[in-house]
Amino acid sequence: MRKYLFYILLGLMILSWGLGIYYVTVYDIPISVVPLLDNKFYWASSFKAMLGLTIIITIISLVAFMFRKYYNRFSKWYIIHGVGIFLWGFTLFSQARIAAFNLGICH
């Protein structure tokens, strides 16, 4: 069961990187508007808007994976995998929301 959770995390990570790189390369927008959850807006470069959160969550995932590699006795790995899947899902949701807002779909 652990391998399936790892493959889900890896798939979400690859999907997030793919979506971010596709948006940055195809839609060459100098400044993107990041809609926050409380209907406020944050202005950022397209790279920061689409790949900033992805880079942060990737680093956290790599640290967690290395921690897991050295401490196999920890028995709550399903909780950590669940949190990882939630974080990657939130990252994909955020990227889709930023892309939809900046392409004019959600105005």
Protein backbone atom coordinates (compact mmCIF):
# COMPACT_ATOMS: atom_id res chain seq x y z
CA MET A 1 0.00 0.00 0.00
CA ARG A 2 2.90 2.37 0.65
CA LYS A 3 4.05 2.18 -2.95
CA TYR A 4 0.66 3.25 -4.27
CA LEU A 5 0.65 6.29 -2.01
CA PHE A 6 4.16 7.14 -3.16
CA TYR A 7 3.11 6.81 -6.81
CA ILE A 8 0.12 9.07 -6.20
CA LEU A 9 2.41 11.69 -4.63
CA LEU A 10 4.88 11.38 -7.48
CA GLY A 11 2.11 11.67 -10.08
CA LEU A 12 0.68 14.79 -8.43
CA MET A 13 4.18 16.28 -8.24
CA ILE A 14 4.84 15.65 -11.93
CA LEU A 15 1.41 17.01 -12.88
CA SER A 16 2.02 20.17 -10.85
CA TRP A 17 5.43 20.77 -12.37
CA GLY A 18 4.03 20.10 -15.85
CA LEU A 19 1.15 22.53 -15.39
CA GLY A 20 3.44 25.24 -14.01
CA ILE A 21 6.08 24.90 -16.71
CA TYR A 22 3.41 24.77 -19.44
CA TYR A 23 1.78 27.98 -18.16
CA VAL A 24 5.09 29.83 -17.86
CA THR A 25 6.32 28.81 -21.33
CA VAL A 26 3.10 29.07 -23.35
CA TYR A 27 1.46 32.11 -21.75
CA ASP A 28 4.23 34.66 -21.56
CA ILE A 29 2.55 37.07 -19.15
CA PRO A 30 4.99 39.33 -17.24
CA ILE A 31 2.76 39.72 -14.17
CA SER A 32 0.12 37.30 -12.93
CA VAL A 33 -2.64 38.01 -10.47
CA VAL A 34 -2.87 35.46 -7.68
CA PRO A 35 -6.39 35.32 -6.24
CA LEU A 36 -6.23 34.51 -2.53
CA LEU A 37 -8.95 32.58 -0.73
CA ASP A 38 -10.51 35.67 0.91
CA ASN A 39 -11.12 37.56 -2.39
CA LYS A 40 -7.94 39.59 -2.14
CA PHE A 41 -5.30 39.64 -4.85
CA TYR A 42 -1.53 39.36 -4.95
CA TRP A 43 0.54 40.47 -7.93
CA ALA A 44 3.57 38.33 -8.78
CA SER A 45 5.67 37.27 -11.73
CA SER A 46 4.35 34.29 -13.66
CA PHE A 47 7.21 32.13 -12.44
CA LYS A 48 6.51 32.88 -8.78
CA ALA A 49 2.77 32.54 -9.25
CA MET A 50 2.83 29.15 -10.93
CA LEU A 51 6.01 27.51 -9.66
CA GLY A 52 6.71 29.18 -6.30
CA LEU A 53 4.42 26.96 -4.24
CA THR A 54 5.46 23.94 -6.31
CA ILE A 55 9.13 24.50 -5.45
CA ILE A 56 8.36 24.90 -1.74
CA ILE A 57 6.20 21.75 -1.56
CA THR A 58 8.80 19.80 -3.59
CA ILE A 59 11.51 20.69 -1.08
CA ILE A 60 9.25 19.72 1.82
CA SER A 61 8.41 16.43 0.10
CA LEU A 62 12.07 15.62 -0.50
CA VAL A 63 12.93 16.35 3.14
CA ALA A 64 10.04 14.13 4.28
CA PHE A 65 11.18 11.35 1.92
CA MET A 66 14.75 11.52 3.25
CA PHE A 67 13.43 11.55 6.81
CA ARG A 68 11.35 8.46 6.02
CA LYS A 69 14.34 6.73 4.46
CA TYR A 70 16.37 7.07 7.66
CA TYR A 71 13.58 6.55 10.23
CA ASN A 72 11.62 3.48 9.17
CA ARG A 73 10.34 2.81 12.69
CA PHE A 74 7.83 5.65 12.56
CA SER A 75 4.44 3.94 12.23
CA LYS A 76 2.29 6.90 11.14
CA TRP A 77 3.46 7.13 7.54
CA TYR A 78 -0.10 6.94 6.20
CA ILE A 79 -0.85 10.22 7.95
CA ILE A 80 2.23 11.83 6.39
CA HIS A 81 1.30 10.49 2.95
CA GLY A 82 -2.24 11.80 3.43
CA VAL A 83 -0.91 15.25 4.30
CA GLY A 84 1.37 15.10 1.26
CA ILE A 85 -1.50 14.20 -1.04
CA PHE A 86 -3.55 17.04 0.44
CA LEU A 87 -0.70 19.53 -0.06
CA TRP A 88 -0.16 18.49 -3.68
CA GLY A 89 -3.91 18.62 -4.33
CA PHE A 90 -4.02 22.11 -2.86
CA THR A 91 -1.04 23.11 -5.02
CA LEU A 92 -2.77 21.86 -8.18
CA PHE A 93 -5.99 23.62 -7.16
CA SER A 94 -4.06 26.85 -6.61
CA GLN A 95 -2.31 26.58 -9.96
CA ALA A 96 -5.56 25.88 -11.79
CA ARG A 97 -7.22 28.82 -10.05
CA ILE A 98 -4.36 31.19 -10.92
CA ALA A 99 -4.32 30.04 -14.55
CA ALA A 100 -8.10 30.31 -14.92
CA PHE A 101 -8.16 33.77 -13.35
CA ASN A 102 -5.34 35.13 -15.48
CA LEU A 103 -6.72 33.68 -18.71
CA GLY A 104 -10.01 35.44 -18.07
CA ILE A 105 -12.13 32.38 -17.38
CA CYS A 106 -13.10 33.43 -13.85
CA HIS A 107 -13.68 37.16 -14.28
